Amino acid sequence: MILQAGLIVKIRISKSANKFLEKLDANARKSVLTKIGILKTCLETQNVYPPEELDIKKLKGELKGFSRIRVGKMRVIFEIGKETDEIFIYEINFRGNIYD
């Protein structure tokens, strides 16, 4: 169980992730926000990660505890706050830059 079923999940975005989103063109921004929305909806309604649709992977090393969503060449690094019922978007960037 990731979160309690039926809860409203909040989304919190870091300054750096928000700054990256603002620089994207409208289509790329829409793609990223759509994937985040799918994650939010699945957590609220089914209390599970969506299947292959988001290509979610748990991260290791310095980013242990975080997961990532693949959006084309971009990655969204996030963490689920079980106590706060929120998705914290830690970073959004292109694959080559995000793990530095």
Protein backbone atom coordinates (compact mmCIF):
# COMPACT_ATOMS: atom_id res chain seq x y z
CA MET A 1 0.00 0.00 0.00
CA ILE A 2 1.49 3.33 -1.05
CA LEU A 3 -1.08 5.74 0.43
CA GLN A 4 -4.52 5.38 1.96
CA ALA A 5 -7.11 4.85 -0.74
CA GLY A 6 -9.50 7.69 -1.46
CA LEU A 7 -7.22 10.49 -0.26
CA ILE A 8 -6.66 13.67 -2.19
CA VAL A 9 -2.99 13.68 -3.16
CA LYS A 10 -1.24 17.05 -3.30
CA ILE A 11 1.60 17.80 -5.68
CA ARG A 12 4.55 19.89 -4.51
CA ILE A 13 7.18 20.96 -7.05
CA SER A 14 10.69 22.13 -6.20
CA LYS A 15 11.90 25.50 -7.49
CA SER A 16 14.39 23.90 -9.88
CA ALA A 17 11.76 21.53 -11.31
CA ASN A 18 9.32 24.41 -11.75
CA LYS A 19 11.99 26.53 -13.43
CA PHE A 20 12.70 23.71 -15.91
CA LEU A 21 8.96 23.31 -16.62
CA GLU A 22 8.64 27.03 -17.35
CA LYS A 23 11.42 26.84 -19.95
CA LEU A 24 9.80 23.97 -21.88
CA ASP A 25 7.67 24.54 -24.94
CA ALA A 26 3.93 24.05 -24.50
CA ASN A 27 3.83 20.50 -25.93
CA ALA A 28 6.70 19.20 -23.78
CA ARG A 29 5.24 20.85 -20.66
CA LYS A 30 1.85 19.28 -21.40
CA SER A 31 3.48 15.83 -21.74
CA VAL A 32 5.23 16.15 -18.37
CA LEU A 33 2.15 17.47 -16.58
CA THR A 34 -0.03 14.74 -18.13
CA LYS A 35 2.27 12.01 -16.78
CA ILE A 36 2.29 13.62 -13.31
CA GLY A 37 -1.51 13.82 -13.49
CA ILE A 38 -1.79 10.12 -14.37
CA LEU A 39 0.38 9.27 -11.35
CA LYS A 40 -1.76 11.44 -9.07
CA THR A 41 -5.03 9.96 -10.35
CA CYS A 42 -3.82 6.36 -9.96
CA LEU A 43 -2.62 7.01 -6.41
CA GLU A 44 -5.93 8.64 -5.48
CA THR A 45 -8.24 6.08 -7.06
CA GLN A 46 -6.36 2.77 -7.02
CA ASN A 47 -3.57 3.41 -4.51
CA VAL A 48 -1.00 1.91 -6.89
CA TYR A 49 1.56 3.10 -9.40
CA PRO A 50 0.19 2.99 -12.93
CA PRO A 51 1.53 0.07 -14.94
CA GLU A 52 3.92 0.45 -17.87
CA GLU A 53 2.17 3.65 -18.88
CA LEU A 54 4.63 5.79 -16.88
CA ASP A 55 7.74 3.59 -16.92
CA ILE A 56 8.36 4.21 -13.20
CA LYS A 57 11.62 2.99 -11.69
CA LYS A 58 12.86 3.22 -8.12
CA LEU A 59 16.22 4.94 -7.90
CA LYS A 60 19.35 3.83 -6.08
CA GLY A 61 22.42 5.49 -4.62
CA GLU A 62 22.16 9.16 -3.71
CA LEU A 63 18.55 9.25 -4.87
CA LYS A 64 17.42 6.20 -2.89
CA GLY A 65 13.82 6.67 -1.79
CA PHE A 66 12.97 8.54 -4.98
CA SER A 67 11.44 7.18 -8.17
CA ARG A 68 11.49 8.44 -11.72
CA ILE A 69 9.03 8.77 -14.56
CA ARG A 70 10.32 8.75 -18.12
CA VAL A 71 8.79 11.35 -20.43
CA GLY A 72 10.59 10.92 -23.75
CA LYS A 73 14.13 12.18 -23.19
CA MET A 74 13.13 13.87 -19.93
CA ARG A 75 12.98 12.41 -16.44
CA VAL A 76 10.77 13.41 -13.51
CA ILE A 77 12.31 12.53 -10.14
CA PHE A 78 9.68 12.29 -7.41
CA GLU A 79 9.00 11.00 -3.92
CA ILE A 80 5.71 9.90 -2.37
CA GLY A 81 5.17 11.40 1.10
CA LYS A 82 3.14 8.81 2.99
CA GLU A 83 2.61 11.02 6.05
CA THR A 84 1.81 14.14 4.04
CA ASP A 85 -0.19 12.46 1.23
CA GLU A 86 1.78 14.32 -1.39
CA ILE A 87 3.88 13.76 -4.46
CA PHE A 88 7.05 15.82 -4.20
CA ILE A 89 8.53 16.56 -7.63
CA TYR A 90 12.21 16.87 -6.77
CA GLU A 91 13.65 17.45 -10.25
CA ILE A 92 12.70 17.52 -13.93
CA ASN A 93 15.39 17.59 -16.57
CA PHE A 94 16.79 15.80 -19.59
CA ARG A 95 18.22 12.34 -18.94
CA GLY A 96 21.83 13.39 -19.52
CA ASN A 97 21.62 16.20 -16.96
CA ILE A 98 19.38 14.88 -14.22
CA TYR A 99 21.66 12.32 -12.58
CA ASP A 100 24.69 14.63 -12.28
